[in-house]
Amino acid sequence: MSASIEAKVRSATAASFVASLLIAVLNAVAADDRLLAPLPSWFQGIVIALAPAAVTFAAGWQAPHTARADEPPAAPPAG
Protein backbone atom coordinates (compact mmCIF):
# COMPACT_ATOMS: atom_id res chain seq x y z
CA MET A 1 0.00 0.00 0.00
CA SER A 2 1.60 3.23 -1.10
CA ALA A 3 -0.93 5.81 0.08
CA SER A 4 0.46 9.21 0.96
CA ILE A 5 0.01 10.65 4.43
CA GLU A 6 -2.95 13.00 4.61
CA ALA A 7 -2.27 16.69 5.27
CA LYS A 8 -4.45 16.56 8.40
CA VAL A 9 -2.30 13.81 9.90
CA ARG A 10 0.97 15.61 9.09
CA SER A 11 -0.33 18.89 10.55
CA ALA A 12 -1.67 17.30 13.72
CA THR A 13 1.52 15.29 14.27
CA ALA A 14 3.76 18.31 13.79
CA ALA A 15 1.61 20.46 16.08
CA SER A 16 1.61 17.79 18.79
CA PHE A 17 5.39 17.49 18.58
CA VAL A 18 5.88 21.26 18.80
CA ALA A 19 3.47 21.57 21.76
CA SER A 20 5.18 18.72 23.61
CA LEU A 21 8.61 20.19 22.87
CA LEU A 22 7.48 23.61 24.10
CA ILE A 23 6.18 22.12 27.34
CA ALA A 24 9.46 20.23 27.83
CA VAL A 25 11.53 23.37 27.19
CA LEU A 26 9.39 25.47 29.52
CA ASN A 27 9.70 22.79 32.18
CA ALA A 28 13.49 22.68 31.78
CA VAL A 29 13.81 26.47 31.85
CA ALA A 30 11.46 27.10 34.74
CA ALA A 31 12.50 23.99 36.67
CA ASP A 32 9.89 24.80 39.28
CA ASP A 33 6.16 25.36 39.50
CA ARG A 34 6.21 29.14 38.99
CA LEU A 35 4.94 28.76 35.43
CA LEU A 36 1.70 27.10 36.53
CA ALA A 37 1.71 28.39 40.11
CA PRO A 38 -1.64 30.17 39.83
CA LEU A 39 -3.31 26.80 39.15
CA PRO A 40 -4.03 24.21 41.84
CA SER A 41 -1.50 21.38 41.79
CA TRP A 42 -4.10 18.76 40.80
CA PHE A 43 -5.08 20.90 37.80
CA GLN A 44 -1.49 21.47 36.62
CA GLY A 45 -1.13 17.83 35.58
CA ILE A 46 -4.37 17.98 33.65
CA VAL A 47 -3.28 21.12 31.80
CA ILE A 48 0.10 19.62 30.90
CA ALA A 49 -1.55 16.44 29.62
CA LEU A 50 -4.29 18.17 27.65
CA ALA A 51 -2.24 20.94 26.03
CA PRO A 52 -0.71 18.75 23.28
CA ALA A 53 -4.05 17.05 22.68
CA ALA A 54 -5.83 20.39 22.27
CA VAL A 55 -3.16 21.67 19.86
CA THR A 56 -3.32 18.40 17.90
CA PHE A 57 -7.10 18.61 17.62
CA ALA A 58 -6.97 22.25 16.47
CA ALA A 59 -4.30 21.55 13.85
CA GLY A 60 -6.17 18.54 12.50
CA TRP A 61 -9.40 20.53 12.40
CA GLN A 62 -7.83 23.41 10.46
CA ALA A 63 -5.76 21.39 7.97
CA PRO A 64 -7.37 20.66 4.61
CA HIS A 65 -8.53 17.17 3.71
CA THR A 66 -6.35 15.34 1.20
CA ALA A 67 -8.43 13.43 -1.32
CA ARG A 68 -7.30 9.89 -2.04
CA ALA A 69 -7.06 8.37 -5.48
CA ASP A 70 -10.05 6.24 -6.35
CA GLU A 71 -9.58 2.68 -5.21
CA PRO A 72 -11.25 -0.21 -6.98
CA PRO A 73 -14.52 -1.24 -5.30
CA ALA A 74 -14.40 -4.17 -2.93
CA ALA A 75 -15.67 -7.48 -4.26
CA PRO A 76 -19.21 -8.31 -3.15
CA PRO A 77 -19.46 -11.00 -0.48
CA ALA A 78 -19.88 -14.52 -1.77
CA GLY A 79 -23.10 -16.21 -0.97
PDB file of N, CA and C in Angstrom:
ATOM      1  N   MET A   1       0.850  -1.181   0.000  1.00  0.00           N
ATOM      2  CA  MET A   1       0.000   0.000   0.000  1.00  0.00           C
ATOM      3  C   MET A   1       0.889   1.235   0.000  1.00  0.00           C
ATOM      4  N   SER A   2       0.734   2.066  -0.988  1.00  0.00           N
ATOM      5  CA  SER A   2       1.600   3.231  -1.104  1.00  0.00           C
ATOM      6  C   SER A   2       0.803   4.532  -1.015  1.00  0.00           C
ATOM      7  N   ALA A   3      -0.133   4.594  -0.099  1.00  0.00           N
ATOM      8  CA  ALA A   3      -0.926   5.810   0.081  1.00  0.00           C
ATOM      9  C   ALA A   3      -0.086   6.880   0.770  1.00  0.00           C
ATOM     10  N   SER A   4      -0.267   8.113   0.328  1.00  0.00           N
ATOM     11  CA  SER A   4       0.464   9.209   0.962  1.00  0.00           C
ATOM     12  C   SER A   4      -0.210   9.575   2.283  1.00  0.00           C
ATOM     13  N   ILE A   5       0.542  10.230   3.132  1.00  0.00           N
ATOM     14  CA  ILE A   5       0.012  10.647   4.431  1.00  0.00           C
ATOM     15  C   ILE A   5      -0.826  11.902   4.231  1.00  0.00           C
ATOM     16  N   GLU A   6      -2.025  11.882   4.775  1.00  0.00           N
ATOM     17  CA  GLU A   6      -2.946  12.996   4.606  1.00  0.00           C
ATOM     18  C   GLU A   6      -2.415  14.252   5.298  1.00  0.00           C
ATOM     19  N   ALA A   7      -2.726  15.404   4.720  1.00  0.00           N
ATOM     20  CA  ALA A   7      -2.265  16.686   5.266  1.00  0.00           C
ATOM     21  C   ALA A   7      -2.728  16.881   6.707  1.00  0.00           C
ATOM     22  N   LYS A   8      -3.932  16.426   7.032  1.00  0.00           N
ATOM     23  CA  LYS A   8      -4.451  16.559   8.397  1.00  0.00           C
ATOM     24  C   LYS A   8      -3.572  15.805   9.388  1.00  0.00           C
ATOM     25  N   VAL A   9      -3.127  14.620   9.004  1.00  0.00           N
ATOM     26  CA  VAL A   9      -2.299  13.805   9.895  1.00  0.00           C
ATOM     27  C   VAL A   9      -0.929  14.453  10.071  1.00  0.00           C
ATOM     28  N   ARG A  10      -0.341  14.937   8.984  1.00  0.00           N
ATOM     29  CA  ARG A  10       0.969  15.611   9.088  1.00  0.00           C
ATOM     30  C   ARG A  10       0.875  16.854   9.959  1.00  0.00           C
ATOM     31  N   SER A  11      -0.167  17.657   9.764  1.00  0.00           N
ATOM     32  CA  SER A  11      -0.329  18.890  10.546  1.00  0.00           C
ATOM     33  C   SER A  11      -0.533  18.591  12.026  1.00  0.00           C
ATOM     34  N   ALA A  12      -1.389  17.637  12.319  1.00  0.00           N
ATOM     35  CA  ALA A  12      -1.669  17.297  13.717  1.00  0.00           C
ATOM     36  C   ALA A  12      -0.437  16.717  14.399  1.00  0.00           C
ATOM     37  N   THR A  13       0.310  15.878  13.696  1.00  0.00           N
ATOM     38  CA  THR A  13       1.516  15.285  14.268  1.00  0.00           C
ATOM     39  C   THR A  13       2.567  16.356  14.546  1.00  0.00           C
ATOM     40  N   ALA A  14       2.775  17.246  13.596  1.00  0.00           N
ATOM     41  CA  ALA A  14       3.758  18.312  13.785  1.00  0.00           C
ATOM     42  C   ALA A  14       3.349  19.233  14.940  1.00  0.00           C
ATOM     43  N   ALA A  15       2.080  19.578  15.015  1.00  0.00           N
ATOM     44  CA  ALA A  15       1.606  20.457  16.085  1.00  0.00           C
ATOM     45  C   ALA A  15       1.751  19.796  17.447  1.00  0.00           C
ATOM     46  N   SER A  16       1.456  18.523  17.521  1.00  0.00           N
ATOM     47  CA  SER A  16       1.606  17.794  18.787  1.00  0.00           C
ATOM     48  C   SER A  16       3.065  17.757  19.218  1.00  0.00           C
ATOM     49  N   PHE A  17       3.960  17.520  18.268  1.00  0.00           N
ATOM     50  CA  PHE A  17       5.389  17.493  18.582  1.00  0.00           C
ATOM     51  C   PHE A  17       5.858  18.854  19.087  1.00  0.00           C
ATOM     52  N   VAL A  18       5.456  19.915  18.400  1.00  0.00           N
ATOM     53  CA  VAL A  18       5.880  21.263  18.801  1.00  0.00           C
ATOM     54  C   VAL A  18       5.319  21.611  20.181  1.00  0.00           C
ATOM     55  N   ALA A  19       4.062  21.279  20.439  1.00  0.00           N
ATOM     56  CA  ALA A  19       3.468  21.570  21.755  1.00  0.00           C
ATOM     57  C   ALA A  19       4.185  20.797  22.856  1.00  0.00           C
ATOM     58  N   SER A  20       4.470  19.526  22.611  1.00  0.00           N
ATOM     59  CA  SER A  20       5.183  18.723  23.611  1.00  0.00           C
ATOM     60  C   SER A  20       6.591  19.254  23.838  1.00  0.00           C
ATOM     61  N   LEU A  21       7.265  19.634  22.759  1.00  0.00           N
ATOM     62  CA  LEU A  21       8.613  20.190  22.869  1.00  0.00           C
ATOM     63  C   LEU A  21       8.586  21.509  23.644  1.00  0.00           C
ATOM     64  N   LEU A  22       7.598  22.337  23.383  1.00  0.00           N
ATOM     65  CA  LEU A  22       7.476  23.607  24.096  1.00  0.00           C
ATOM     66  C   LEU A  22       7.260  23.384  25.586  1.00  0.00           C
ATOM     67  N   ILE A  23       6.410  22.430  25.925  1.00  0.00           N
ATOM     68  CA  ILE A  23       6.175  22.116  27.338  1.00  0.00           C
ATOM     69  C   ILE A  23       7.457  21.602  27.989  1.00  0.00           C
ATOM     70  N   ALA A  24       8.206  20.757  27.286  1.00  0.00           N
ATOM     71  CA  ALA A  24       9.457  20.229  27.830  1.00  0.00           C
ATOM     72  C   ALA A  24      10.478  21.340  28.041  1.00  0.00           C
ATOM     73  N   VAL A  25      10.578  22.252  27.072  1.00  0.00           N
ATOM     74  CA  VAL A  25      11.534  23.370  27.192  1.00  0.00           C
ATOM     75  C   VAL A  25      11.123  24.296  28.337  1.00  0.00           C
ATOM     76  N   LEU A  26       9.845  24.610  28.422  1.00  0.00           N
ATOM     77  CA  LEU A  26       9.386  25.467  29.517  1.00  0.00           C
ATOM     78  C   LEU A  26       9.632  24.808  30.869  1.00  0.00           C
ATOM     79  N   ASN A  27       9.445  23.511  30.939  1.00  0.00           N
ATOM     80  CA  ASN A  27       9.698  22.789  32.183  1.00  0.00           C
ATOM     81  C   ASN A  27      11.182  22.822  32.536  1.00  0.00           C
ATOM     82  N   ALA A  28      12.042  22.664  31.539  1.00  0.00           N
ATOM     83  CA  ALA A  28      13.486  22.680  31.782  1.00  0.00           C
ATOM     84  C   ALA A  28      13.960  24.079  32.182  1.00  0.00           C
ATOM     85  N   VAL A  29      13.397  25.106  31.554  1.00  0.00           N
ATOM     86  CA  VAL A  29      13.815  26.474  31.846  1.00  0.00           C
ATOM     87  C   VAL A  29      13.303  26.918  33.210  1.00  0.00           C
ATOM     88  N   ALA A  30      12.042  26.668  33.466  1.00  0.00           N
ATOM     89  CA  ALA A  30      11.463  27.101  34.740  1.00  0.00           C
ATOM     90  C   ALA A  30      11.965  26.247  35.889  1.00  0.00           C
ATOM     91  N   ALA A  31      12.008  24.949  35.683  1.00  0.00           N
ATOM     92  CA  ALA A  31      12.499  23.986  36.674  1.00  0.00           C
ATOM     93  C   ALA A  31      11.825  24.127  38.036  1.00  0.00           C
ATOM     94  N   ASP A  32      10.695  24.747  38.065  1.00  0.00           N
ATOM     95  CA  ASP A  32       9.888  24.803  39.275  1.00  0.00           C
ATOM     96  C   ASP A  32       8.438  25.052  38.872  1.00  0.00           C
ATOM     97  N   ASP A  33       7.575  25.228  39.819  1.00  0.00           N
ATOM     98  CA  ASP A  33       6.159  25.359  39.499  1.00  0.00           C
ATOM     99  C   ASP A  33       5.692  26.799  39.324  1.00  0.00           C
ATOM    100  N   ARG A  34       6.611  27.737  39.156  1.00  0.00           N
ATOM    101  CA  ARG A  34       6.211  29.136  38.995  1.00  0.00           C
ATOM    102  C   ARG A  34       5.385  29.355  37.734  1.00  0.00           C
ATOM    103  N   LEU A  35       5.653  28.578  36.688  1.00  0.00           N
ATOM    104  CA  LEU A  35       4.939  28.762  35.433  1.00  0.00           C
ATOM    105  C   LEU A  35       3.438  28.501  35.606  1.00  0.00           C
ATOM    106  N   LEU A  36       3.104  27.452  36.318  1.00  0.00           N
ATOM    107  CA  LEU A  36       1.701  27.103  36.533  1.00  0.00           C
ATOM    108  C   LEU A  36       1.261  27.345  37.973  1.00  0.00           C
ATOM    109  N   ALA A  37       2.002  28.147  38.697  1.00  0.00           N
ATOM    110  CA  ALA A  37       1.711  28.386  40.114  1.00  0.00           C
ATOM    111  C   ALA A  37       0.302  28.890  40.386  1.00  0.00           C
ATOM    112  N   PRO A  38      -0.284  29.707  39.533  1.00  0.00           N
ATOM    113  CA  PRO A  38      -1.639  30.172  39.832  1.00  0.00           C
ATOM    114  C   PRO A  38      -2.682  29.048  39.829  1.00  0.00           C
ATOM    115  N   LEU A  39      -2.351  27.917  39.218  1.00  0.00           N
ATOM    116  CA  LEU A  39      -3.305  26.802  39.147  1.00  0.00           C
ATOM    117  C   LEU A  39      -3.113  25.858  40.324  1.00  0.00           C
ATOM    118  N   PRO A  40      -4.185  25.231  40.785  1.00  0.00           N
ATOM    119  CA  PRO A  40      -4.030  24.212  41.842  1.00  0.00           C
ATOM    120  C   PRO A  40      -3.165  23.063  41.329  1.00  0.00           C
ATOM    121  N   SER A  41      -2.436  22.420  42.216  1.00  0.00           N
ATOM    122  CA  SER A  41      -1.498  21.383  41.789  1.00  0.00           C
ATOM    123  C   SER A  41      -2.185  20.228  41.069  1.00  0.00           C
ATOM    124  N   TRP A  42      -3.399  19.848  41.474  1.00  0.00           N
ATOM    125  CA  TRP A  42      -4.096  18.757  40.798  1.00  0.00           C
ATOM    126  C   TRP A  42      -4.478  19.144  39.371  1.00  0.00           C
ATOM    127  N   PHE A  43      -4.681  20.434  39.122  1.00  0.00           N
ATOM    128  CA  PHE A  43      -5.082  20.902  37.796  1.00  0.00           C
ATOM    129  C   PHE A  43      -3.876  21.081  36.874  1.00  0.00           C
ATOM    130  N   GLN A  44      -2.694  21.294  37.430  1.00  0.00           N
ATOM    131  CA  GLN A  44      -1.489  21.471  36.620  1.00  0.00           C
ATOM    132  C   GLN A  44      -1.221  20.241  35.758  1.00  0.00           C
ATOM    133  N   GLY A  45      -1.351  19.057  36.337  1.00  0.00           N
ATOM    134  CA  GLY A  45      -1.132  17.830  35.577  1.00  0.00           C
ATOM    135  C   GLY A  45      -2.117  17.664  34.439  1.00  0.00           C
ATOM    136  N   ILE A  46      -3.357  18.066  34.688  1.00  0.00           N
ATOM    137  CA  ILE A  46      -4.375  17.982  33.646  1.00  0.00           C
ATOM    138  C   ILE A  46      -4.040  18.932  32.502  1.00  0.00           C
ATOM    139  N   VAL A  47      -3.624  20.135  32.827  1.00  0.00           N
ATOM    140  CA  VAL A  47      -3.279  21.119  31.800  1.00  0.00           C
ATOM    141  C   VAL A  47      -2.099  20.633  30.963  1.00  0.00           C
ATOM    142  N   ILE A  48      -1.072  20.109  31.614  1.00  0.00           N
ATOM    143  CA  ILE A  48       0.103  19.623  30.900  1.00  0.00           C
ATOM    144  C   ILE A  48      -0.266  18.449  29.985  1.00  0.00           C
ATOM    145  N   ALA A  49      -1.153  17.585  30.440  1.00  0.00           N
ATOM    146  CA  ALA A  49      -1.548  16.437  29.625  1.00  0.00           C
ATOM    147  C   ALA A  49      -2.457  16.838  28.464  1.00  0.00           C
ATOM    148  N   LEU A  50      -3.328  17.802  28.686  1.00  0.00           N
ATOM    149  CA  LEU A  50      -4.295  18.171  27.654  1.00  0.00           C
ATOM    150  C   LEU A  50      -3.783  19.183  26.639  1.00  0.00           C
ATOM    151  N   ALA A  51      -2.734  19.918  26.959  1.00  0.00           N
ATOM    152  CA  ALA A  51      -2.241  20.940  26.033  1.00  0.00           C
ATOM    153  C   ALA A  51      -1.852  20.356  24.671  1.00  0.00           C
ATOM    154  N   PRO A  52      -1.025  19.314  24.599  1.00  0.00           N
ATOM    155  CA  PRO A  52      -0.707  18.748  23.277  1.00  0.00           C
ATOM    156  C   PRO A  52      -1.931  18.184  22.560  1.00  0.00           C
ATOM    157  N   ALA A  53      -2.845  17.592  23.305  1.00  0.00           N
ATOM    158  CA  ALA A  53      -4.055  17.048  22.678  1.00  0.00           C
ATOM    159  C   ALA A  53      -4.909  18.158  22.079  1.00  0.00           C
ATOM    160  N   ALA A  54      -5.036  19.264  22.777  1.00  0.00           N
ATOM    161  CA  ALA A  54      -5.826  20.387  22.273  1.00  0.00           C
ATOM    162  C   ALA A  54      -5.184  20.986  21.022  1.00  0.00           C
ATOM    163  N   VAL A  55      -3.869  21.134  21.031  1.00  0.00           N
ATOM    164  CA  VAL A  55      -3.163  21.672  19.863  1.00  0.00           C
ATOM    165  C   VAL A  55      -3.285  20.708  18.682  1.00  0.00           C
ATOM    166  N   THR A  56      -3.182  19.406  18.949  1.00  0.00           N
ATOM    167  CA  THR A  56      -3.318  18.405  17.897  1.00  0.00           C
ATOM    168  C   THR A  56      -4.707  18.451  17.276  1.00  0.00           C
ATOM    169  N   PHE A  57      -5.735  18.533  18.121  1.00  0.00           N
ATOM    170  CA  PHE A  57      -7.103  18.615  17.617  1.00  0.00           C
ATOM    171  C   PHE A  57      -7.281  19.858  16.748  1.00  0.00           C
ATOM    172  N   ALA A  58      -6.807  20.994  17.225  1.00  0.00           N
ATOM    173  CA  ALA A  58      -6.970  22.245  16.474  1.00  0.00           C
ATOM    174  C   ALA A  58      -6.246  22.186  15.130  1.00  0.00           C
ATOM    175  N   ALA A  59      -5.043  21.639  15.112  1.00  0.00           N
ATOM    176  CA  ALA A  59      -4.297  21.548  13.854  1.00  0.00           C
ATOM    177  C   ALA A  59      -4.977  20.602  12.878  1.00  0.00           C
ATOM    178  N   GLY A  60      -5.465  19.478  13.365  1.00  0.00           N
ATOM    179  CA  GLY A  60      -6.171  18.542  12.505  1.00  0.00           C
ATOM    180  C   GLY A  60      -7.471  19.118  11.983  1.00  0.00           C
ATOM    181  N   TRP A  61      -8.141  19.914  12.794  1.00  0.00           N
ATOM    182  CA  TRP A  61      -9.405  20.527  12.402  1.00  0.00           C
ATOM    183  C   TRP A  61      -9.174  21.561  11.295  1.00  0.00           C
ATOM    184  N   GLN A  62      -8.094  22.329  11.403  1.00  0.00           N
ATOM    185  CA  GLN A  62      -7.834  23.412  10.457  1.00  0.00           C
ATOM    186  C   GLN A  62      -7.206  22.946   9.146  1.00  0.00           C
ATOM    187  N   ALA A  63      -6.473  21.846   9.173  1.00  0.00           N
ATOM    188  CA  ALA A  63      -5.764  21.393   7.973  1.00  0.00           C
ATOM    189  C   ALA A  63      -6.762  20.889   6.928  1.00  0.00           C
ATOM    190  N   PRO A  64      -6.448  21.113   5.652  1.00  0.00           N
ATOM    191  CA  PRO A  64      -7.367  20.660   4.610  1.00  0.00           C
ATOM    192  C   PRO A  64      -7.333  19.138   4.446  1.00  0.00           C
ATOM    193  N   HIS A  65      -8.441  18.610   3.984  1.00  0.00           N
ATOM    194  CA  HIS A  65      -8.527  17.173   3.713  1.00  0.00           C
ATOM    195  C   HIS A  65      -7.784  16.868   2.419  1.00  0.00           C
ATOM    196  N   THR A  66      -7.052  15.779   2.391  1.00  0.00           N
ATOM    197  CA  THR A  66      -6.352  15.345   1.195  1.00  0.00           C
ATOM    198  C   THR A  66      -7.157  14.216   0.566  1.00  0.00           C
ATOM    199  N   ALA A  67      -7.643  14.449  -0.635  1.00  0.00           N
ATOM    200  CA  ALA A  67      -8.434  13.425  -1.317  1.00  0.00           C
ATOM    201  C   ALA A  67      -7.531  12.274  -1.742  1.00  0.00           C
ATOM    202  N   ARG A  68      -8.037  11.078  -1.607  1.00  0.00           N
ATOM    203  CA  ARG A  68      -7.298   9.893  -2.038  1.00  0.00           C
ATOM    204  C   ARG A  68      -7.676   9.535  -3.462  1.00  0.00           C
ATOM    205  N   ALA A  69      -6.762   8.858  -4.132  1.00  0.00           N
ATOM    206  CA  ALA A  69      -7.056   8.372  -5.475  1.00  0.00           C
ATOM    207  C   ALA A  69      -8.152   7.308  -5.360  1.00  0.00           C
ATOM    208  N   ASP A  70      -8.975   7.236  -6.370  1.00  0.00           N
ATOM    209  CA  ASP A  70     -10.051   6.239  -6.354  1.00  0.00           C
ATOM    210  C   ASP A  70      -9.458   4.837  -6.270  1.00  0.00           C
ATOM    211  N   GLU A  71      -9.981   4.072  -5.346  1.00  0.00           N
ATOM    212  CA  GLU A  71      -9.577   2.683  -5.212  1.00  0.00           C
ATOM    213  C   GLU A  71     -10.635   1.816  -5.860  1.00  0.00           C
ATOM    214  N   PRO A  72     -10.240   0.653  -6.376  1.00  0.00           N
ATOM    215  CA  PRO A  72     -11.253  -0.209  -6.976  1.00  0.00           C
ATOM    216  C   PRO A  72     -12.251  -0.670  -5.911  1.00  0.00           C
ATOM    217  N   PRO A  73     -13.521  -0.829  -6.292  1.00  0.00           N
ATOM    218  CA  PRO A  73     -14.517  -1.236  -5.299  1.00  0.00           C
ATOM    219  C   PRO A  73     -14.221  -2.638  -4.762  1.00  0.00           C
ATOM    220  N   ALA A  74     -14.607  -2.853  -3.538  1.00  0.00           N
ATOM    221  CA  ALA A  74     -14.404  -4.170  -2.928  1.00  0.00           C
ATOM    222  C   ALA A  74     -15.322  -5.182  -3.598  1.00  0.00           C
ATOM    223  N   ALA A  75     -14.858  -6.414  -3.667  1.00  0.00           N
ATOM    224  CA  ALA A  75     -15.668  -7.483  -4.261  1.00  0.00           C
ATOM    225  C   ALA A  75     -16.863  -7.771  -3.368  1.00  0.00           C
ATOM    226  N   PRO A  76     -18.029  -8.021  -3.969  1.00  0.00           N
ATOM    227  CA  PRO A  76     -19.211  -8.312  -3.145  1.00  0.00           C
ATOM    228  C   PRO A  76     -19.004  -9.633  -2.404  1.00  0.00           C
ATOM    229  N   PRO A  77     -19.610  -9.754  -1.235  1.00  0.00           N
ATOM    230  CA  PRO A  77     -19.457 -10.999  -0.478  1.00  0.00           C
ATOM    231  C   PRO A  77     -20.070 -12.188  -1.230  1.00  0.00           C
ATOM    232  N   ALA A  78     -19.385 -13.305  -1.116  1.00  0.00           N
ATOM    233  CA  ALA A  78     -19.880 -14.522  -1.774  1.00  0.00           C
ATOM    234  C   ALA A  78     -21.061 -15.072  -0.993  1.00  0.00           C
ATOM    235  N   GLY A  79     -22.024 -15.574  -1.717  1.00  0.00           N
ATOM    236  CA  GLY A  79     -23.096 -16.214  -0.966  1.00  0.00           C
ATOM    237  C   GLY A  79     -24.369 -16.085  -1.550  1.00  0.00           C
TER     238      GLY A  79
END
